[in-house]
């Protein structure tokens, strides 16, 4: 049975999902979305991620071991990022990864917790076994499993676009100079922890390699891109897409 904490966690995701969709829809339709929706979305994110972090890490402890473990936790990273976005000038694109995460959490919570209380359940398949889920629950479970990997790749692509957005925003003074620095550290952590981020960065790198080495392209483009990769790789502590880079040099 779901606990009060679980309901609060889900409520945070529902608030995030509804508020972010409202804000993103207004942005897509070229309307001026109310900043209130943006703040509310990240308030929901802060509530949900704080509950998850407290459950997995326990109460904060003033020692290096706890801080080190916390900073390596993905939920803590997204919690800190949500706090950063909450205190920063609104960037609609920054809501996209959180919206995708919340969509899947909300659907799963609805299937496992809400629907069994509303929809009639079938007879157990075994003696004293759990009741058979309603067909809608089964379809929802299938949809979530089928689309999960695609959604996580979409998150990874969105996070790269956010990096580009805050970098250009810093150059044009549309966001703070701290934004690309903070987000670059976050993206570095994603590179180490997410196979989806690694795959997407590899794909993006391969596409860029294809364009800068295409017939007729200026050799300077390839040289500049090589230098950019060296700088990024040294900073990140790893080589980005070494297979493609090696193949191109041969």
C-alpha atoms as a PDB file:
ATOM      1  CA  UNK A   1       0.000   0.000   0.000  1.00  0.00           C
ATOM      2  CA  UNK A   2       1.269   3.436  -0.922  1.00  0.00           C
ATOM      3  CA  UNK A   3       2.426   5.595   1.960  1.00  0.00           C
ATOM      4  CA  UNK A   4       1.733   9.273   2.525  1.00  0.00           C
ATOM      5  CA  UNK A   5       5.291   9.996   1.399  1.00  0.00           C
ATOM      6  CA  UNK A   6       4.650   8.120  -1.847  1.00  0.00           C
ATOM      7  CA  UNK A   7       1.515  10.173  -2.493  1.00  0.00           C
ATOM      8  CA  UNK A   8       3.438  13.381  -1.843  1.00  0.00           C
ATOM      9  CA  UNK A   9       6.150  12.255  -4.240  1.00  0.00           C
ATOM     10  CA  UNK A  10       3.531  11.548  -6.904  1.00  0.00           C
ATOM     11  CA  UNK A  11       1.766  14.848  -6.232  1.00  0.00           C
ATOM     12  CA  UNK A  12       5.027  16.667  -6.912  1.00  0.00           C
ATOM     13  CA  UNK A  13       5.350  14.934 -10.277  1.00  0.00           C
ATOM     14  CA  UNK A  14       1.724  15.655 -11.220  1.00  0.00           C
ATOM     15  CA  UNK A  15       2.213  19.321 -10.325  1.00  0.00           C
ATOM     16  CA  UNK A  16       5.434  19.410 -12.340  1.00  0.00           C
ATOM     17  CA  UNK A  17       3.825  17.686 -15.316  1.00  0.00           C
ATOM     18  CA  UNK A  18       0.708  19.862 -15.465  1.00  0.00           C
ATOM     19  CA  UNK A  19       2.546  23.138 -14.852  1.00  0.00           C
ATOM     20  CA  UNK A  20       5.347  22.440 -17.317  1.00  0.00           C
ATOM     21  CA  UNK A  21       2.927  21.362 -20.051  1.00  0.00           C
ATOM     22  CA  UNK A  22       0.979  24.570 -19.511  1.00  0.00           C
ATOM     23  CA  UNK A  23       4.164  26.660 -19.734  1.00  0.00           C
ATOM     24  CA  UNK A  24       5.584  24.796 -22.728  1.00  0.00           C
ATOM     25  CA  UNK A  25       2.293  24.921 -24.633  1.00  0.00           C
ATOM     26  CA  UNK A  26       2.100  28.691 -24.194  1.00  0.00           C
ATOM     27  CA  UNK A  27       5.717  28.989 -25.383  1.00  0.00           C
ATOM     28  CA  UNK A  28       5.091  26.842 -28.463  1.00  0.00           C
ATOM     29  CA  UNK A  29       2.042  28.937 -29.353  1.00  0.00           C
ATOM     30  CA  UNK A  30       4.180  32.101 -29.088  1.00  0.00           C
ATOM     31  CA  UNK A  31       2.239  33.386 -26.123  1.00  0.00           C
ATOM     32  CA  UNK A  32       3.767  34.901 -23.012  1.00  0.00           C
ATOM     33  CA  UNK A  33       3.503  32.154 -20.388  1.00  0.00           C
ATOM     34  CA  UNK A  34       3.028  33.249 -16.814  1.00  0.00           C
ATOM     35  CA  UNK A  35       6.267  32.809 -14.846  1.00  0.00           C
ATOM     36  CA  UNK A  36       4.079  31.372 -12.093  1.00  0.00           C
ATOM     37  CA  UNK A  37       3.710  28.127 -14.051  1.00  0.00           C
ATOM     38  CA  UNK A  38       7.481  27.836 -14.399  1.00  0.00           C
ATOM     39  CA  UNK A  39       8.054  28.333 -10.681  1.00  0.00           C
ATOM     40  CA  UNK A  40       5.264  25.923  -9.804  1.00  0.00           C
ATOM     41  CA  UNK A  41       6.697  23.248 -12.089  1.00  0.00           C
ATOM     42  CA  UNK A  42      10.066  23.387 -10.366  1.00  0.00           C
ATOM     43  CA  UNK A  43       8.418  23.540  -6.948  1.00  0.00           C
ATOM     44  CA  UNK A  44       6.864  20.189  -7.771  1.00  0.00           C
ATOM     45  CA  UNK A  45      10.254  18.914  -8.948  1.00  0.00           C
ATOM     46  CA  UNK A  46      11.955  20.061  -5.745  1.00  0.00           C
ATOM     47  CA  UNK A  47       9.327  18.316  -3.620  1.00  0.00           C
ATOM     48  CA  UNK A  48       9.517  15.007  -5.491  1.00  0.00           C
ATOM     49  CA  UNK A  49      13.287  14.838  -5.790  1.00  0.00           C
ATOM     50  CA  UNK A  50      13.776  15.895  -2.180  1.00  0.00           C
ATOM     51  CA  UNK A  51      11.619  12.979  -1.040  1.00  0.00           C
ATOM     52  CA  UNK A  52      13.553  10.524  -3.201  1.00  0.00           C
ATOM     53  CA  UNK A  53      16.910  11.870  -1.990  1.00  0.00           C
ATOM     54  CA  UNK A  54      15.854  11.739   1.650  1.00  0.00           C
ATOM     55  CA  UNK A  55      14.646   8.170   1.222  1.00  0.00           C
ATOM     56  CA  UNK A  56      17.836   6.949  -0.467  1.00  0.00           C
ATOM     57  CA  UNK A  57      20.426   8.976   1.449  1.00  0.00           C
ATOM     58  CA  UNK A  58      18.759   9.650   4.783  1.00  0.00           C
ATOM     59  CA  UNK A  59      19.110  12.871   6.692  1.00  0.00           C
ATOM     60  CA  UNK A  60      21.984  15.153   5.586  1.00  0.00           C
ATOM     61  CA  UNK A  61      25.206  14.569   7.513  1.00  0.00           C
ATOM     62  CA  UNK A  62      28.059  17.080   7.861  1.00  0.00           C
ATOM     63  CA  UNK A  63      30.820  14.756   6.689  1.00  0.00           C
ATOM     64  CA  UNK A  64      32.750  14.195   3.471  1.00  0.00           C
ATOM     65  CA  UNK A  65      31.532  10.630   2.941  1.00  0.00           C
ATOM     66  CA  UNK A  66      27.849  11.628   2.935  1.00  0.00           C
ATOM     67  CA  UNK A  67      28.410  14.703   0.753  1.00  0.00           C
ATOM     68  CA  UNK A  68      30.489  12.695  -1.722  1.00  0.00           C
ATOM     69  CA  UNK A  69      27.825   9.991  -1.928  1.00  0.00           C
ATOM     70  CA  UNK A  70      25.093  12.594  -2.329  1.00  0.00           C
ATOM     71  CA  UNK A  71      26.835  14.469  -5.144  1.00  0.00           C
ATOM     72  CA  UNK A  72      27.282  11.194  -7.026  1.00  0.00           C
ATOM     73  CA  UNK A  73      23.554  10.455  -6.780  1.00  0.00           C
ATOM     74  CA  UNK A  74      21.573  11.218  -9.942  1.00  0.00           C
ATOM     75  CA  UNK A  75      18.501  12.327  -8.013  1.00  0.00           C
ATOM     76  CA  UNK A  76      20.583  14.811  -6.015  1.00  0.00           C
ATOM     77  CA  UNK A  77      22.022  16.179  -9.249  1.00  0.00           C
ATOM     78  CA  UNK A  78      18.559  16.718 -10.691  1.00  0.00           C
ATOM     79  CA  UNK A  79      17.419  18.207  -7.370  1.00  0.00           C
ATOM     80  CA  UNK A  80      20.271  20.735  -7.396  1.00  0.00           C
ATOM     81  CA  UNK A  81      19.631  21.505 -11.053  1.00  0.00           C
ATOM     82  CA  UNK A  82      15.924  22.074 -10.332  1.00  0.00           C
ATOM     83  CA  UNK A  83      16.886  24.451  -7.537  1.00  0.00           C
ATOM     84  CA  UNK A  84      19.209  26.297  -9.915  1.00  0.00           C
ATOM     85  CA  UNK A  85      16.485  26.626 -12.562  1.00  0.00           C
ATOM     86  CA  UNK A  86      13.962  27.683  -9.909  1.00  0.00           C
ATOM     87  CA  UNK A  87      16.181  30.615  -8.936  1.00  0.00           C
ATOM     88  CA  UNK A  88      17.156  31.530 -12.519  1.00  0.00           C
ATOM     89  CA  UNK A  89      15.501  33.365 -15.361  1.00  0.00           C
ATOM     90  CA  UNK A  90      12.957  31.021 -17.027  1.00  0.00           C
ATOM     91  CA  UNK A  91      14.233  28.862 -19.883  1.00  0.00           C
ATOM     92  CA  UNK A  92      11.390  26.863 -21.383  1.00  0.00           C
ATOM     93  CA  UNK A  93      13.664  24.195 -22.867  1.00  0.00           C
ATOM     94  CA  UNK A  94      15.015  23.383 -19.397  1.00  0.00           C
ATOM     95  CA  UNK A  95      11.594  21.983 -18.465  1.00  0.00           C
ATOM     96  CA  UNK A  96      11.609  19.308 -21.159  1.00  0.00           C
ATOM     97  CA  UNK A  97      13.715  16.613 -19.385  1.00  0.00           C
ATOM     98  CA  UNK A  98      11.770  17.032 -16.123  1.00  0.00           C
ATOM     99  CA  UNK A  99       8.485  16.877 -18.022  1.00  0.00           C
ATOM    100  CA  UNK A 100       9.428  13.585 -19.688  1.00  0.00           C
ATOM    101  CA  UNK A 101      10.539  12.068 -16.387  1.00  0.00           C
ATOM    102  CA  UNK A 102       7.348  13.183 -14.671  1.00  0.00           C
ATOM    103  CA  UNK A 103       5.171  11.824 -17.461  1.00  0.00           C
ATOM    104  CA  UNK A 104       6.555   8.325 -16.936  1.00  0.00           C
ATOM    105  CA  UNK A 105       6.407   8.596 -13.142  1.00  0.00           C
ATOM    106  CA  UNK A 106       2.819   9.852 -13.271  1.00  0.00           C
ATOM    107  CA  UNK A 107       1.746   7.091 -15.638  1.00  0.00           C
ATOM    108  CA  UNK A 108       3.406   4.403 -13.540  1.00  0.00           C
ATOM    109  CA  UNK A 109       1.893   5.750 -10.310  1.00  0.00           C
ATOM    110  CA  UNK A 110      -1.527   5.898 -11.946  1.00  0.00           C
ATOM    111  CA  UNK A 111      -1.213   2.319 -13.153  1.00  0.00           C
ATOM    112  CA  UNK A 112       0.089   0.789  -9.943  1.00  0.00           C
ATOM    113  CA  UNK A 113      -1.671   2.889  -7.296  1.00  0.00           C
ATOM    114  CA  UNK A 114      -4.642   4.863  -8.592  1.00  0.00           C
ATOM    115  CA  UNK A 115      -6.184   2.579 -11.207  1.00  0.00           C
ATOM    116  CA  UNK A 116      -6.479  -0.483  -8.927  1.00  0.00           C
ATOM    117  CA  UNK A 117      -8.674   1.660  -6.661  1.00  0.00           C
ATOM    118  CA  UNK A 118     -10.899   2.813  -9.535  1.00  0.00           C
ATOM    119  CA  UNK A 119     -10.945   0.097 -12.192  1.00  0.00           C
ATOM    120  CA  UNK A 120     -12.352  -3.397 -11.566  1.00  0.00           C
ATOM    121  CA  UNK A 121      -9.604  -5.970 -11.176  1.00  0.00           C
ATOM    122  CA  UNK A 122      -9.780  -9.473 -12.656  1.00  0.00           C
ATOM    123  CA  UNK A 123      -9.636 -12.763 -10.855  1.00  0.00           C
ATOM    124  CA  UNK A 124      -6.250 -13.949  -9.571  1.00  0.00           C
ATOM    125  CA  UNK A 125      -4.439 -16.377 -11.839  1.00  0.00           C
ATOM    126  CA  UNK A 126      -3.284 -18.439  -8.844  1.00  0.00           C
ATOM    127  CA  UNK A 127      -4.748 -19.244  -5.473  1.00  0.00           C
ATOM    128  CA  UNK A 128      -4.221 -16.381  -3.013  1.00  0.00           C
ATOM    129  CA  UNK A 129      -2.428 -14.456  -5.763  1.00  0.00           C
ATOM    130  CA  UNK A 130      -2.871 -10.784  -6.632  1.00  0.00           C
ATOM    131  CA  UNK A 131      -5.860  -9.810  -8.785  1.00  0.00           C
ATOM    132  CA  UNK A 132      -5.350  -9.539 -12.526  1.00  0.00           C
ATOM    133  CA  UNK A 133      -4.841  -5.909 -13.620  1.00  0.00           C
ATOM    134  CA  UNK A 134      -7.453  -4.204 -15.755  1.00  0.00           C
ATOM    135  CA  UNK A 135      -6.700  -4.232 -19.536  1.00  0.00           C
ATOM    136  CA  UNK A 136      -6.090  -0.475 -19.435  1.00  0.00           C
ATOM    137  CA  UNK A 137      -3.352  -1.019 -16.847  1.00  0.00           C
ATOM    138  CA  UNK A 138      -1.749  -3.679 -19.042  1.00  0.00           C
ATOM    139  CA  UNK A 139      -1.827  -1.427 -22.098  1.00  0.00           C
ATOM    140  CA  UNK A 140      -0.331   1.413 -20.086  1.00  0.00           C
ATOM    141  CA  UNK A 141       2.436  -0.819 -18.775  1.00  0.00           C
ATOM    142  CA  UNK A 142       3.220  -1.978 -22.325  1.00  0.00           C
ATOM    143  CA  UNK A 143       3.315   1.605 -23.598  1.00  0.00           C
ATOM    144  CA  UNK A 144       5.700   2.698 -20.836  1.00  0.00           C
ATOM    145  CA  UNK A 145       8.063  -0.228 -21.453  1.00  0.00           C
ATOM    146  CA  UNK A 146       7.959   0.234 -25.230  1.00  0.00           C
ATOM    147  CA  UNK A 147       8.653   3.959 -25.189  1.00  0.00           C
ATOM    148  CA  UNK A 148      11.014   4.263 -22.214  1.00  0.00           C
ATOM    149  CA  UNK A 149      14.312   4.016 -24.112  1.00  0.00           C
ATOM    150  CA  UNK A 150      13.121   6.426 -26.799  1.00  0.00           C
ATOM    151  CA  UNK A 151      12.026   8.907 -24.134  1.00  0.00           C
ATOM    152  CA  UNK A 152      15.375   8.698 -22.337  1.00  0.00           C
ATOM    153  CA  UNK A 153      17.194   9.373 -25.599  1.00  0.00           C
ATOM    154  CA  UNK A 154      14.925  12.373 -26.103  1.00  0.00           C
ATOM    155  CA  UNK A 155      15.956  13.562 -22.634  1.00  0.00           C
ATOM    156  CA  UNK A 156      19.625  13.200 -23.547  1.00  0.00           C
ATOM    157  CA  UNK A 157      19.145  15.191 -26.766  1.00  0.00           C
ATOM    158  CA  UNK A 158      17.190  17.850 -24.887  1.00  0.00           C
ATOM    159  CA  UNK A 159      19.972  18.174 -22.319  1.00  0.00           C
ATOM    160  CA  UNK A 160      22.519  18.774 -25.077  1.00  0.00           C
ATOM    161  CA  UNK A 161      20.253  21.421 -26.594  1.00  0.00           C
ATOM    162  CA  UNK A 162      19.948  23.060 -23.174  1.00  0.00           C
ATOM    163  CA  UNK A 163      23.743  23.243 -22.981  1.00  0.00           C
ATOM    164  CA  UNK A 164      23.799  24.987 -26.357  1.00  0.00           C
ATOM    165  CA  UNK A 165      20.970  27.277 -25.278  1.00  0.00           C
ATOM    166  CA  UNK A 166      22.616  28.452 -22.055  1.00  0.00           C
ATOM    167  CA  UNK A 167      25.972  28.848 -23.810  1.00  0.00           C
ATOM    168  CA  UNK A 168      24.456  31.087 -26.478  1.00  0.00           C
ATOM    169  CA  UNK A 169      22.397  32.788 -23.786  1.00  0.00           C
ATOM    170  CA  UNK A 170      25.515  33.664 -21.838  1.00  0.00           C
ATOM    171  CA  UNK A 171      27.140  35.115 -24.967  1.00  0.00           C
ATOM    172  CA  UNK A 172      24.068  37.223 -25.756  1.00  0.00           C
ATOM    173  CA  UNK A 173      23.405  38.066 -22.087  1.00  0.00           C
ATOM    174  CA  UNK A 174      20.030  36.289 -22.053  1.00  0.00           C
ATOM    175  CA  UNK A 175      21.043  34.212 -19.046  1.00  0.00           C
ATOM    176  CA  UNK A 176      23.778  34.404 -16.437  1.00  0.00           C
ATOM    177  CA  UNK A 177      27.387  33.494 -17.183  1.00  0.00           C
ATOM    178  CA  UNK A 178      27.122  30.935 -14.396  1.00  0.00           C
ATOM    179  CA  UNK A 179      24.454  28.929 -16.241  1.00  0.00           C
ATOM    180  CA  UNK A 180      26.715  27.217 -18.835  1.00  0.00           C
ATOM    181  CA  UNK A 181      29.368  26.533 -16.179  1.00  0.00           C
ATOM    182  CA  UNK A 182      26.872  24.951 -13.781  1.00  0.00           C
ATOM    183  CA  UNK A 183      25.125  23.019 -16.538  1.00  0.00           C
ATOM    184  CA  UNK A 184      28.398  21.769 -18.036  1.00  0.00           C
ATOM    185  CA  UNK A 185      29.239  20.138 -14.700  1.00  0.00           C
ATOM    186  CA  UNK A 186      25.802  18.546 -14.639  1.00  0.00           C
ATOM    187  CA  UNK A 187      26.210  17.281 -18.215  1.00  0.00           C
ATOM    188  CA  UNK A 188      29.633  15.879 -17.348  1.00  0.00           C
ATOM    189  CA  UNK A 189      28.012  13.791 -14.604  1.00  0.00           C
ATOM    190  CA  UNK A 190      25.358  12.601 -17.054  1.00  0.00           C
ATOM    191  CA  UNK A 191      28.107  11.455 -19.428  1.00  0.00           C
ATOM    192  CA  UNK A 192      29.549   9.191 -16.762  1.00  0.00           C
ATOM    193  CA  UNK A 193      26.223   7.900 -15.413  1.00  0.00           C
ATOM    194  CA  UNK A 194      23.866   7.613 -18.376  1.00  0.00           C
ATOM    195  CA  UNK A 195      24.284   5.229 -21.290  1.00  0.00           C
ATOM    196  CA  UNK A 196      21.705   7.296 -23.152  1.00  0.00           C
ATOM    197  CA  UNK A 197      23.827  10.439 -22.812  1.00  0.00           C
ATOM    198  CA  UNK A 198      26.894   8.549 -24.016  1.00  0.00           C
ATOM    199  CA  UNK A 199      24.997   7.215 -27.022  1.00  0.00           C
ATOM    200  CA  UNK A 200      23.551  10.597 -27.963  1.00  0.00           C
ATOM    201  CA  UNK A 201      26.876  12.413 -27.605  1.00  0.00           C
ATOM    202  CA  UNK A 202      28.473   9.746 -29.786  1.00  0.00           C
ATOM    203  CA  UNK A 203      25.765  10.207 -32.430  1.00  0.00           C
ATOM    204  CA  UNK A 204      26.031  13.986 -32.367  1.00  0.00           C
ATOM    205  CA  UNK A 205      29.810  13.782 -32.583  1.00  0.00           C
ATOM    206  CA  UNK A 206      29.586  11.437 -35.577  1.00  0.00           C
ATOM    207  CA  UNK A 207      27.228  13.814 -37.392  1.00  0.00           C
ATOM    208  CA  UNK A 208      29.486  16.792 -36.756  1.00  0.00           C
ATOM    209  CA  UNK A 209      32.509  14.768 -37.910  1.00  0.00           C
ATOM    210  CA  UNK A 210      30.619  13.915 -41.099  1.00  0.00           C
ATOM    211  CA  UNK A 211      29.955  17.586 -41.862  1.00  0.00           C
ATOM    212  CA  UNK A 212      33.379  19.029 -41.012  1.00  0.00           C
ATOM    213  CA  UNK A 213      35.172  16.355 -43.077  1.00  0.00           C
ATOM    214  CA  UNK A 214      32.741  16.386 -45.989  1.00  0.00           C
ATOM    215  CA  UNK A 215      34.188  17.028 -49.478  1.00  0.00           C
ATOM    216  CA  UNK A 216      34.436  20.730 -50.036  1.00  0.00           C
ATOM    217  CA  UNK A 217      34.431  21.604 -46.348  1.00  0.00           C
ATOM    218  CA  UNK A 218      37.169  23.882 -45.112  1.00  0.00           C
ATOM    219  CA  UNK A 219      40.041  21.957 -43.455  1.00  0.00           C
ATOM    220  CA  UNK A 220      39.981  24.606 -40.756  1.00  0.00           C
ATOM    221  CA  UNK A 221      36.597  23.339 -39.567  1.00  0.00           C
ATOM    222  CA  UNK A 222      38.040  19.901 -38.829  1.00  0.00           C
ATOM    223  CA  UNK A 223      41.057  21.433 -37.085  1.00  0.00           C
ATOM    224  CA  UNK A 224      38.911  23.682 -34.910  1.00  0.00           C
ATOM    225  CA  UNK A 225      36.579  20.825 -34.039  1.00  0.00           C
ATOM    226  CA  UNK A 226      39.535  18.591 -33.129  1.00  0.00           C
ATOM    227  CA  UNK A 227      40.846  21.263 -30.764  1.00  0.00           C
ATOM    228  CA  UNK A 228      37.391  21.708 -29.214  1.00  0.00           C
ATOM    229  CA  UNK A 229      37.154  17.954 -28.612  1.00  0.00           C
ATOM    230  CA  UNK A 230      40.586  17.867 -27.002  1.00  0.00           C
ATOM    231  CA  UNK A 231      39.646  20.656 -24.597  1.00  0.00           C
ATOM    232  CA  UNK A 232      36.299  19.090 -23.742  1.00  0.00           C
ATOM    233  CA  UNK A 233      37.796  15.623 -23.373  1.00  0.00           C
ATOM    234  CA  UNK A 234      40.523  16.820 -21.014  1.00  0.00           C
ATOM    235  CA  UNK A 235      38.003  18.720 -18.930  1.00  0.00           C
ATOM    236  CA  UNK A 236      35.580  15.796 -18.810  1.00  0.00           C
ATOM    237  CA  UNK A 237      38.319  13.306 -18.088  1.00  0.00           C
ATOM    238  CA  UNK A 238      37.403  11.068 -21.021  1.00  0.00           C
ATOM    239  CA  UNK A 239      37.594  10.985 -24.798  1.00  0.00           C
ATOM    240  CA  UNK A 240      34.344  11.692 -26.602  1.00  0.00           C
ATOM    241  CA  UNK A 241      33.519   9.057 -29.214  1.00  0.00           C
ATOM    242  CA  UNK A 242      37.141   7.816 -29.668  1.00  0.00           C
ATOM    243  CA  UNK A 243      36.088   5.253 -32.320  1.00  0.00           C
ATOM    244  CA  UNK A 244      34.738   7.862 -34.720  1.00  0.00           C
ATOM    245  CA  UNK A 245      37.633  10.233 -34.078  1.00  0.00           C
ATOM    246  CA  UNK A 246      40.188   7.491 -34.713  1.00  0.00           C
ATOM    247  CA  UNK A 247      38.464   6.362 -37.888  1.00  0.00           C
ATOM    248  CA  UNK A 248      38.423   9.888 -39.276  1.00  0.00           C
ATOM    249  CA  UNK A 249      42.127  10.458 -38.658  1.00  0.00           C
ATOM    250  CA  UNK A 250      42.999   7.250 -40.540  1.00  0.00           C
END
